[in-house]
Amino acid sequence: REVLLTSDTPVVSQFLAGRREGPIGMSEEKDAATLAAEAQLSDSLGGARTIAAPRTVVPQLEPSPGMPVRQGALRRRERVMAMMGQLPEAARTAILNSYAPAAGGARA
């Protein structure tokens, strides 16, 4: 999840952002001419083509007050922390940032 959400691969970024412009087309692959035509159309309409902001890992929902801590969430966090050394730098940073606010909460 974390690697996908922080990916800078153009196809993944386009898919997660829900953008029409980019390497994914209806045929799943676009040729360079189609990409160039989309860029030219965007430029001619005066719209600056936006570069996607770095992706972040959005924290999952917490249980409602009075409900027990989700044990699955604790186990998942332990698994993610155990594999931190294998993840790309962007994913590690996003994970640590997403866990930082929870340091004082009920999470372990």
C-alpha atoms as a PDB file:
ATOM      1  CA  ARG A   1       0.000   0.000   0.000  1.00  0.00           C
ATOM      2  CA  GLU A   2       2.662   2.493   1.029  1.00  0.00           C
ATOM      3  CA  VAL A   3       4.867   1.849  -2.004  1.00  0.00           C
ATOM      4  CA  LEU A   4       1.907   2.256  -4.360  1.00  0.00           C
ATOM      5  CA  LEU A   5       0.645   5.431  -2.698  1.00  0.00           C
ATOM      6  CA  THR A   6       4.070   7.084  -2.840  1.00  0.00           C
ATOM      7  CA  SER A   7       5.028   5.869  -6.321  1.00  0.00           C
ATOM      8  CA  ASP A   8       6.348   8.443  -8.771  1.00  0.00           C
ATOM      9  CA  THR A   9       5.722   6.146 -11.750  1.00  0.00           C
ATOM     10  CA  PRO A  10       3.688   8.190 -14.281  1.00  0.00           C
ATOM     11  CA  VAL A  11       1.114   5.459 -14.881  1.00  0.00           C
ATOM     12  CA  VAL A  12       0.496   4.951 -11.163  1.00  0.00           C
ATOM     13  CA  SER A  13       0.335   8.697 -10.497  1.00  0.00           C
ATOM     14  CA  GLN A  14      -2.169   9.221 -13.314  1.00  0.00           C
ATOM     15  CA  PHE A  15      -4.349   6.356 -12.111  1.00  0.00           C
ATOM     16  CA  LEU A  16      -4.384   7.418  -8.453  1.00  0.00           C
ATOM     17  CA  ALA A  17      -5.052  11.057  -9.342  1.00  0.00           C
ATOM     18  CA  GLY A  18      -7.840  10.126 -11.767  1.00  0.00           C
ATOM     19  CA  ARG A  19      -6.357  12.301 -14.505  1.00  0.00           C
ATOM     20  CA  ARG A  20      -7.211  11.832 -18.169  1.00  0.00           C
ATOM     21  CA  GLU A  21      -3.871  13.209 -19.342  1.00  0.00           C
ATOM     22  CA  GLY A  22      -0.952  10.860 -19.130  1.00  0.00           C
ATOM     23  CA  PRO A  23       0.407   7.565 -20.375  1.00  0.00           C
ATOM     24  CA  ILE A  24      -2.776   5.537 -19.756  1.00  0.00           C
ATOM     25  CA  GLY A  25      -5.350   5.622 -22.525  1.00  0.00           C
ATOM     26  CA  MET A  26      -8.444   3.627 -23.291  1.00  0.00           C
ATOM     27  CA  SER A  27      -6.219   1.067 -24.979  1.00  0.00           C
ATOM     28  CA  GLU A  28      -3.995   1.011 -21.847  1.00  0.00           C
ATOM     29  CA  GLU A  29      -1.106   2.305 -23.944  1.00  0.00           C
ATOM     30  CA  LYS A  30      -0.732   5.551 -25.796  1.00  0.00           C
ATOM     31  CA  ASP A  31       1.728   6.457 -28.451  1.00  0.00           C
ATOM     32  CA  ALA A  32       3.947   9.524 -28.319  1.00  0.00           C
ATOM     33  CA  ALA A  33       1.790  11.349 -30.882  1.00  0.00           C
ATOM     34  CA  THR A  34      -1.301  11.097 -28.683  1.00  0.00           C
ATOM     35  CA  LEU A  35       0.617  12.313 -25.630  1.00  0.00           C
ATOM     36  CA  ALA A  36       2.011  15.245 -27.628  1.00  0.00           C
ATOM     37  CA  ALA A  37      -1.473  16.139 -28.909  1.00  0.00           C
ATOM     38  CA  GLU A  38      -2.850  16.143 -25.345  1.00  0.00           C
ATOM     39  CA  ALA A  39      -0.007  18.367 -24.174  1.00  0.00           C
ATOM     40  CA  GLN A  40      -0.528  20.760 -27.083  1.00  0.00           C
ATOM     41  CA  LEU A  41      -4.274  20.939 -26.417  1.00  0.00           C
ATOM     42  CA  SER A  42      -3.695  21.638 -22.737  1.00  0.00           C
ATOM     43  CA  ASP A  43      -1.163  24.358 -23.576  1.00  0.00           C
ATOM     44  CA  SER A  44      -3.451  25.933 -26.193  1.00  0.00           C
ATOM     45  CA  LEU A  45      -6.293  26.158 -23.684  1.00  0.00           C
ATOM     46  CA  GLY A  46      -4.039  28.138 -21.381  1.00  0.00           C
ATOM     47  CA  GLY A  47      -4.091  25.493 -18.720  1.00  0.00           C
ATOM     48  CA  ALA A  48      -0.735  24.836 -17.224  1.00  0.00           C
ATOM     49  CA  ARG A  49      -0.057  21.155 -17.027  1.00  0.00           C
ATOM     50  CA  THR A  50       0.251  20.343 -13.390  1.00  0.00           C
ATOM     51  CA  ILE A  51       2.918  18.191 -11.896  1.00  0.00           C
ATOM     52  CA  ALA A  52       1.433  15.986  -9.230  1.00  0.00           C
ATOM     53  CA  ALA A  53       2.441  16.801  -5.692  1.00  0.00           C
ATOM     54  CA  PRO A  54       4.360  14.139  -3.838  1.00  0.00           C
ATOM     55  CA  ARG A  55       1.977  11.489  -2.613  1.00  0.00           C
ATOM     56  CA  THR A  56       1.403  10.853   1.036  1.00  0.00           C
ATOM     57  CA  VAL A  57       0.071   7.907   2.972  1.00  0.00           C
ATOM     58  CA  VAL A  58      -3.264   8.908   4.443  1.00  0.00           C
ATOM     59  CA  PRO A  59      -3.800   7.408   7.901  1.00  0.00           C
ATOM     60  CA  GLN A  60      -6.524   4.805   8.063  1.00  0.00           C
ATOM     61  CA  LEU A  61      -9.644   5.560  10.076  1.00  0.00           C
ATOM     62  CA  GLU A  62      -9.465   5.152  13.819  1.00  0.00           C
ATOM     63  CA  PRO A  63     -12.147   3.284  15.797  1.00  0.00           C
ATOM     64  CA  SER A  64     -14.955   5.387  17.252  1.00  0.00           C
ATOM     65  CA  PRO A  65     -14.497   6.540  20.849  1.00  0.00           C
ATOM     66  CA  GLY A  66     -15.314   3.729  23.245  1.00  0.00           C
ATOM     67  CA  MET A  67     -14.555   1.006  20.696  1.00  0.00           C
ATOM     68  CA  PRO A  68     -11.558  -1.294  21.210  1.00  0.00           C
ATOM     69  CA  VAL A  69      -8.299  -0.756  19.341  1.00  0.00           C
ATOM     70  CA  ARG A  70      -8.248  -2.731  16.099  1.00  0.00           C
ATOM     71  CA  GLN A  71      -5.749  -5.528  16.591  1.00  0.00           C
ATOM     72  CA  GLY A  72      -5.374  -5.936  12.818  1.00  0.00           C
ATOM     73  CA  ALA A  73      -4.192  -2.335  12.552  1.00  0.00           C
ATOM     74  CA  LEU A  74      -1.554  -2.965  15.212  1.00  0.00           C
ATOM     75  CA  ARG A  75      -0.356  -6.130  13.445  1.00  0.00           C
ATOM     76  CA  ARG A  76      -0.212  -4.297  10.117  1.00  0.00           C
ATOM     77  CA  ARG A  77       1.836  -1.482  11.607  1.00  0.00           C
ATOM     78  CA  GLU A  78       4.282  -4.024  13.037  1.00  0.00           C
ATOM     79  CA  ARG A  79       4.638  -5.679   9.602  1.00  0.00           C
ATOM     80  CA  VAL A  80       5.191  -2.339   7.872  1.00  0.00           C
ATOM     81  CA  MET A  81       7.783  -1.238  10.422  1.00  0.00           C
ATOM     82  CA  ALA A  82       9.593  -4.585  10.081  1.00  0.00           C
ATOM     83  CA  MET A  83      10.012  -4.104   6.329  1.00  0.00           C
ATOM     84  CA  MET A  84      11.036  -0.413   6.431  1.00  0.00           C
ATOM     85  CA  GLY A  85      14.572  -1.206   5.259  1.00  0.00           C
ATOM     86  CA  GLN A  86      13.215  -2.770   2.060  1.00  0.00           C
ATOM     87  CA  LEU A  87      11.022   0.183   1.056  1.00  0.00           C
ATOM     88  CA  PRO A  88      11.958   3.121  -1.201  1.00  0.00           C
ATOM     89  CA  GLU A  89      12.913   6.359   0.559  1.00  0.00           C
ATOM     90  CA  ALA A  90       9.660   8.108  -0.449  1.00  0.00           C
ATOM     91  CA  ALA A  91       7.593   5.318   1.094  1.00  0.00           C
ATOM     92  CA  ARG A  92       9.670   5.312   4.302  1.00  0.00           C
ATOM     93  CA  THR A  93       9.280   9.060   4.704  1.00  0.00           C
ATOM     94  CA  ALA A  94       5.530   8.948   4.052  1.00  0.00           C
ATOM     95  CA  ILE A  95       5.074   6.084   6.511  1.00  0.00           C
ATOM     96  CA  LEU A  96       7.022   7.809   9.269  1.00  0.00           C
ATOM     97  CA  ASN A  97       5.110  11.049   8.667  1.00  0.00           C
ATOM     98  CA  SER A  98       1.770   9.233   8.790  1.00  0.00           C
ATOM     99  CA  TYR A  99       2.668   7.540  12.079  1.00  0.00           C
ATOM    100  CA  ALA A 100       4.112  10.664  13.733  1.00  0.00           C
ATOM    101  CA  PRO A 101       0.765  12.216  14.811  1.00  0.00           C
ATOM    102  CA  ALA A 102      -0.328   8.877  16.270  1.00  0.00           C
ATOM    103  CA  ALA A 103       2.675   8.673  18.604  1.00  0.00           C
ATOM    104  CA  GLY A 104       0.647   9.990  21.518  1.00  0.00           C
ATOM    105  CA  GLY A 105      -2.475   8.010  20.638  1.00  0.00           C
ATOM    106  CA  ALA A 106      -3.609   4.490  21.326  1.00  0.00           C
ATOM    107  CA  ARG A 107      -1.476   2.909  18.613  1.00  0.00           C
ATOM    108  CA  ALA A 108       1.492   0.822  19.629  1.00  0.00           C
END
